[in-house]
N, C-alpha and C. Protein backbone atom coordinates (compact mmCIF):
# COMPACT_ATOMS: atom_id res chain seq x y z
N MET A 1 0.86 -1.19 0.00
CA MET A 1 -0.01 -0.03 -0.06
C MET A 1 0.91 1.28 0.03
N THR A 2 0.47 2.24 -0.79
CA THR A 2 1.25 3.50 -0.85
C THR A 2 0.53 4.66 -0.30
N ILE A 3 1.13 5.76 -0.09
CA ILE A 3 0.55 7.01 0.38
C ILE A 3 -0.60 7.35 -0.56
N GLU A 4 -0.23 7.17 -1.96
CA GLU A 4 -1.36 7.51 -2.98
C GLU A 4 -2.46 6.62 -2.89
N ASP A 5 -2.33 5.35 -2.53
CA ASP A 5 -3.51 4.56 -2.26
C ASP A 5 -4.37 4.97 -1.10
N ILE A 6 -3.75 5.38 -0.02
CA ILE A 6 -4.51 5.86 1.14
C ILE A 6 -5.25 7.13 0.80
N ARG A 7 -4.53 8.01 0.10
CA ARG A 7 -5.18 9.23 -0.39
C ARG A 7 -6.50 9.02 -1.12
N LYS A 8 -6.47 8.05 -1.98
CA LYS A 8 -7.70 7.75 -2.82
C LYS A 8 -8.66 7.01 -1.95
N LYS A 9 -8.37 5.94 -1.24
CA LYS A 9 -9.28 5.08 -0.48
C LYS A 9 -9.87 5.78 0.65
N ARG A 10 -9.13 6.73 1.24
CA ARG A 10 -9.71 7.32 2.52
C ARG A 10 -10.08 8.84 2.14
N PHE A 11 -10.04 9.12 0.90
CA PHE A 11 -10.40 10.59 0.47
C PHE A 11 -9.69 11.58 1.29
N MET A 12 -8.43 11.46 1.28
CA MET A 12 -7.63 12.38 1.90
C MET A 12 -6.45 13.01 0.87
N PRO A 13 -6.90 13.83 0.02
CA PRO A 13 -5.98 14.25 -1.10
C PRO A 13 -4.79 15.11 -0.59
N PHE A 14 -4.78 15.67 0.65
CA PHE A 14 -3.79 16.56 1.21
C PHE A 14 -2.67 15.67 1.74
N LEU A 15 -2.83 14.30 1.96
CA LEU A 15 -1.85 13.46 2.66
C LEU A 15 -0.46 13.26 1.94
N LYS A 16 0.62 13.53 2.57
CA LYS A 16 1.82 13.48 1.95
C LYS A 16 2.88 12.92 3.00
N VAL A 17 3.85 12.25 2.42
CA VAL A 17 5.05 11.87 3.38
C VAL A 17 5.66 13.07 3.80
N GLY A 18 6.11 13.17 5.04
CA GLY A 18 6.82 14.27 5.49
C GLY A 18 5.96 15.27 6.19
N MET A 19 4.70 15.18 6.08
CA MET A 19 3.91 16.25 6.65
C MET A 19 3.70 16.08 8.15
N ARG A 20 3.57 17.20 8.90
CA ARG A 20 3.44 17.25 10.13
C ARG A 20 2.07 16.74 10.65
N VAL A 21 1.98 16.07 11.64
CA VAL A 21 0.70 15.56 12.31
C VAL A 21 0.80 15.80 13.83
N PHE A 22 -0.42 15.75 14.39
CA PHE A 22 -0.51 15.72 15.80
C PHE A 22 -1.52 14.58 16.26
N ASN A 23 -1.20 13.71 17.08
CA ASN A 23 -2.10 12.72 17.57
C ASN A 23 -2.88 13.17 18.87
N ILE A 24 -4.09 13.45 18.67
CA ILE A 24 -4.89 13.98 19.83
C ILE A 24 -4.98 13.09 20.95
N HIS A 25 -5.04 11.79 20.73
CA HIS A 25 -5.13 10.85 21.86
C HIS A 25 -3.86 10.80 22.71
N ASN A 26 -2.70 10.70 21.95
CA ASN A 26 -1.45 10.60 22.64
C ASN A 26 -0.89 11.97 22.91
N GLN A 27 -1.47 13.00 22.35
CA GLN A 27 -0.87 14.32 22.63
C GLN A 27 0.53 14.50 22.13
N MET A 28 0.87 13.87 20.86
CA MET A 28 2.12 13.86 20.33
C MET A 28 2.23 14.43 18.90
N PHE A 29 3.30 15.18 18.65
CA PHE A 29 3.49 15.59 17.17
C PHE A 29 4.49 14.56 16.62
N GLY A 30 4.23 14.45 15.28
CA GLY A 30 5.24 13.59 14.49
C GLY A 30 5.07 13.94 12.97
N LYS A 31 5.68 13.17 12.20
CA LYS A 31 5.78 13.19 10.65
C LYS A 31 5.33 11.96 10.07
N VAL A 32 4.59 12.10 8.98
CA VAL A 32 4.21 10.90 8.27
C VAL A 32 5.42 10.39 7.49
N THR A 33 5.72 9.07 7.61
CA THR A 33 6.80 8.54 7.03
C THR A 33 6.53 7.50 5.88
N GLY A 34 5.23 7.21 5.74
CA GLY A 34 4.95 6.27 4.75
C GLY A 34 3.47 5.57 5.01
N ALA A 35 3.15 4.48 4.24
CA ALA A 35 1.94 3.86 4.48
C ALA A 35 2.36 2.37 4.74
N ASN A 36 1.32 1.68 5.14
CA ASN A 36 1.42 0.26 5.48
C ASN A 36 0.30 -0.62 4.93
N ASN A 37 0.40 -1.90 4.84
CA ASN A 37 -0.58 -2.76 4.21
C ASN A 37 -1.90 -2.72 4.99
N SER A 38 -2.14 -2.13 6.10
CA SER A 38 -3.44 -2.11 6.85
C SER A 38 -4.10 -0.80 6.36
N GLN A 39 -3.84 -0.19 5.41
CA GLN A 39 -4.41 1.03 4.88
C GLN A 39 -4.24 2.17 6.00
N ASN A 40 -3.18 2.10 6.85
CA ASN A 40 -2.91 2.98 7.80
C ASN A 40 -1.65 3.82 7.36
N ILE A 41 -1.24 4.81 8.16
CA ILE A 41 0.00 5.41 7.78
C ILE A 41 1.00 5.03 8.95
N ASN A 42 2.36 5.28 8.62
CA ASN A 42 3.30 5.13 9.53
C ASN A 42 3.73 6.56 10.00
N VAL A 43 3.79 6.76 11.24
CA VAL A 43 4.23 8.13 11.79
C VAL A 43 5.46 7.97 12.80
N LYS A 44 6.46 8.79 12.59
CA LYS A 44 7.50 8.87 13.59
C LYS A 44 7.30 10.00 14.46
N PHE A 45 6.86 9.77 15.64
CA PHE A 45 6.64 10.79 16.60
C PHE A 45 7.81 11.32 17.22
N ASP A 46 7.86 12.65 17.56
CA ASP A 46 8.92 13.34 18.16
C ASP A 46 9.45 12.64 19.28
N GLY A 47 10.74 12.29 19.40
CA GLY A 47 11.28 11.56 20.49
C GLY A 47 11.45 10.11 20.33
N ASP A 48 10.54 9.55 19.56
CA ASP A 48 10.50 8.09 19.24
C ASP A 48 11.65 7.64 18.41
N LYS A 49 12.15 6.45 18.61
CA LYS A 49 13.17 5.82 17.72
C LYS A 49 12.50 5.19 16.46
N HIS A 50 11.25 4.74 16.63
CA HIS A 50 10.65 3.95 15.58
C HIS A 50 9.22 4.56 15.20
N THR A 51 8.87 4.14 13.89
CA THR A 51 7.57 4.61 13.62
C THR A 51 6.45 3.87 14.25
N ARG A 52 5.15 4.41 14.27
CA ARG A 52 4.05 3.85 14.76
C ARG A 52 2.91 3.69 13.61
N ASN A 53 2.07 2.70 13.69
CA ASN A 53 1.18 2.42 12.82
C ASN A 53 -0.09 3.19 13.36
N CYS A 54 -0.64 4.23 12.57
CA CYS A 54 -1.74 5.01 13.05
C CYS A 54 -2.76 5.07 11.88
N HIS A 55 -3.99 4.94 12.49
CA HIS A 55 -5.25 5.08 11.58
C HIS A 55 -5.27 6.55 11.14
N PRO A 56 -5.27 7.06 9.84
CA PRO A 56 -5.17 8.29 9.46
C PRO A 56 -6.42 9.18 9.80
N GLN A 57 -7.47 8.55 10.16
CA GLN A 57 -8.62 9.35 10.46
C GLN A 57 -9.23 9.19 11.89
N TRP A 58 -8.23 8.82 12.76
CA TRP A 58 -8.79 8.71 14.11
C TRP A 58 -7.88 9.52 14.99
N LYS A 59 -8.40 10.62 15.55
CA LYS A 59 -7.69 11.54 16.50
C LYS A 59 -6.46 12.07 15.96
N MET A 60 -6.46 12.49 14.65
CA MET A 60 -5.25 13.05 14.02
C MET A 60 -5.60 14.48 13.58
N LYS A 61 -4.54 15.36 13.58
CA LYS A 61 -4.64 16.59 12.97
C LYS A 61 -3.47 16.76 12.04
N TYR A 62 -3.65 17.29 10.86
CA TYR A 62 -2.70 17.41 9.80
C TYR A 62 -2.31 18.84 9.48
N PHE A 63 -1.10 19.21 9.29
CA PHE A 63 -0.61 20.56 9.13
C PHE A 63 0.10 20.70 7.85
N ALA A 64 0.07 22.05 7.23
CA ALA A 64 0.75 22.41 6.04
C ALA A 64 2.07 22.74 6.57
N VAL A 65 3.00 23.00 5.58
CA VAL A 65 4.40 23.32 5.84
C VAL A 65 4.53 24.69 6.80
N ASN A 66 3.58 25.61 6.47
CA ASN A 66 3.45 26.87 7.24
C ASN A 66 2.83 26.77 8.53
N GLY A 67 2.45 25.54 8.93
CA GLY A 67 1.81 25.31 10.22
C GLY A 67 0.38 25.46 10.28
N ARG A 68 -0.34 25.74 9.27
CA ARG A 68 -1.66 25.94 9.18
C ARG A 68 -2.40 24.47 9.24
N LEU A 69 -3.46 24.47 10.00
CA LEU A 69 -4.13 23.21 10.14
C LEU A 69 -4.89 22.93 8.86
N ILE A 70 -4.74 21.77 8.21
CA ILE A 70 -5.34 21.34 7.03
C ILE A 70 -6.56 20.57 7.36
N GLU A 71 -6.48 19.59 8.17
CA GLU A 71 -7.68 18.74 8.48
C GLU A 71 -7.55 18.12 9.91
N GLU A 72 -8.71 17.80 10.50
CA GLU A 72 -8.69 17.37 11.84
C GLU A 72 -9.76 16.22 12.00
N TYR A 73 -9.34 15.11 12.36
CA TYR A 73 -10.30 13.97 12.72
C TYR A 73 -10.41 13.79 14.08
N ASN A 74 -11.55 13.85 14.76
CA ASN A 74 -11.60 13.63 16.14
C ASN A 74 -12.20 12.43 16.54
N ASP A 75 -12.72 11.64 15.51
CA ASP A 75 -13.36 10.26 15.87
C ASP A 75 -12.34 9.17 15.64
């Protein structure tokens, strides 16, 4: 599965590798590093050594390069 696949299947045209995210549940910032076969994204959170598997539409905020909030999913 690729980021492009997730963009299309989950209707998230803004999704890009390297974009800044915030996990509302864990209260952690990180960056999208790729996709995985479970139709989720891999995120490397600040301070972590490894990436984590995250559902892209559960408790996530997505930010543009300038810091502007692009999208927020609270469910």
